[in-house]
Amino acid sequence: KMLSDIKSMQMISSVNYVRKYYKEAIALAKRNAERFLLYTSYSRKKDAYEIRVRKRKNIIVELIMVMRDTKSFSVINFTGKMDKAFIDRLKTSVNTTN
């Protein structure tokens, strides 16, 4: 059920310039803060992530997750209809891999 409302998922990642790309992606997200609201973030020395959402009539229709660890940088973009349970599961999966 949880994935049935997802229309698309796009992902980019890199193992080069990890911190640089992460900082640039976060800066871009902050410049678009009116469109993409900060949902949650996590940061420590070795890894970090930030989740931002775009809503339409109180329904989450797009989610962007920016992540980094010591070896890689990734941005994942979901579109569709998402709820808190989907995002919580996504956060849990990221936390268990770090």
Protein backbone atom coordinates (compact mmCIF):
# COMPACT_ATOMS: atom_id res chain seq x y z
CA LYS A 1 0.00 0.00 0.00
CA MET A 2 2.75 2.39 0.98
CA LEU A 3 4.46 2.27 -2.42
CA SER A 4 1.27 2.21 -4.47
CA ASP A 5 0.85 5.99 -4.15
CA ILE A 6 4.42 6.75 -5.30
CA LYS A 7 4.52 8.00 -8.89
CA SER A 8 8.27 8.34 -9.35
CA MET A 9 11.62 8.07 -7.66
CA GLN A 10 14.81 9.60 -8.95
CA MET A 11 18.22 9.24 -7.37
CA ILE A 12 21.63 10.70 -7.99
CA SER A 13 24.73 9.80 -6.04
CA SER A 14 28.44 10.35 -6.03
CA VAL A 15 31.49 9.03 -4.26
CA ASN A 16 33.50 12.12 -5.23
CA TYR A 17 33.35 15.54 -3.56
CA VAL A 18 30.89 14.19 -0.99
CA ARG A 19 30.93 17.11 1.46
CA LYS A 20 31.03 19.72 -1.31
CA TYR A 21 27.99 18.27 -3.10
CA TYR A 22 26.11 17.87 0.17
CA LYS A 23 26.71 21.50 1.14
CA GLU A 24 25.64 22.70 -2.32
CA ALA A 25 22.45 20.59 -2.26
CA ILE A 26 21.50 21.84 1.22
CA ALA A 27 22.14 25.45 0.16
CA LEU A 28 19.91 24.95 -2.89
CA ALA A 29 17.18 23.43 -0.72
CA LYS A 30 17.35 26.38 1.66
CA ARG A 31 17.03 28.83 -1.25
CA ASN A 32 13.80 26.99 -2.17
CA ALA A 33 12.50 26.87 1.42
CA GLU A 34 9.16 28.39 0.45
CA ARG A 35 8.47 25.50 -1.90
CA PHE A 36 10.15 22.67 0.02
CA LEU A 37 9.54 22.76 3.76
CA LEU A 38 12.05 21.19 6.11
CA TYR A 39 10.53 18.00 7.51
CA THR A 40 13.48 16.63 9.49
CA SER A 41 17.24 16.60 9.54
CA TYR A 42 20.04 14.70 11.20
CA SER A 43 23.71 15.51 11.37
CA ARG A 44 26.80 14.22 13.02
CA LYS A 45 30.44 14.15 12.01
CA LYS A 46 30.33 11.03 9.81
CA ASP A 47 26.84 11.27 8.27
CA ALA A 48 23.89 13.57 7.77
CA TYR A 49 20.58 13.83 5.98
CA GLU A 50 17.84 16.32 5.41
CA ILE A 51 14.28 15.63 4.28
CA ARG A 52 12.20 18.37 2.68
CA VAL A 53 8.62 18.09 1.47
CA ARG A 54 6.32 19.95 -0.88
CA LYS A 55 2.66 19.95 0.01
CA ARG A 56 -0.50 20.61 -1.95
CA LYS A 57 -3.60 21.11 0.20
CA ASN A 58 -1.88 19.52 3.22
CA ILE A 59 -0.94 16.40 1.23
CA ILE A 60 2.74 15.64 0.71
CA VAL A 61 3.21 15.38 -3.06
CA GLU A 62 7.00 15.53 -3.28
CA LEU A 63 9.85 14.58 -0.99
CA ILE A 64 13.53 15.31 -1.38
CA MET A 65 16.10 13.56 0.77
CA VAL A 66 19.73 14.73 0.73
CA MET A 67 22.20 12.35 2.41
CA ARG A 68 25.91 11.95 2.98
CA ASP A 69 28.23 9.68 4.86
CA THR A 70 32.00 9.39 4.76
CA LYS A 71 32.01 7.67 1.37
CA SER A 72 29.00 8.89 -0.64
CA PHE A 73 26.48 11.61 -1.33
CA SER A 74 22.91 11.00 -2.56
CA VAL A 75 19.77 12.90 -3.41
CA ILE A 76 16.50 10.99 -3.69
CA ASN A 77 13.35 12.60 -5.02
CA PHE A 78 9.92 10.98 -4.62
CA THR A 79 6.71 12.24 -6.18
CA GLY A 80 3.22 10.99 -5.51
CA LYS A 81 1.10 10.94 -2.39
CA MET A 82 3.04 10.36 0.81
CA ASP A 83 2.18 10.37 4.48
CA LYS A 84 4.03 10.45 7.78
CA ALA A 85 4.25 6.63 7.91
CA PHE A 86 6.10 6.55 4.56
CA ILE A 87 8.56 9.21 5.69
CA ASP A 88 9.10 7.55 9.07
CA ARG A 89 9.88 4.25 7.35
CA LEU A 90 12.28 6.05 5.00
CA LYS A 91 14.05 7.69 7.96
CA THR A 92 14.31 4.35 9.75
CA SER A 93 15.88 2.69 6.72
CA VAL A 94 18.46 5.46 6.44
CA ASN A 95 19.30 5.34 10.16
CA THR A 96 19.84 1.58 10.08
CA THR A 97 22.26 1.78 7.15
CA ASN A 98 24.51 4.38 8.82
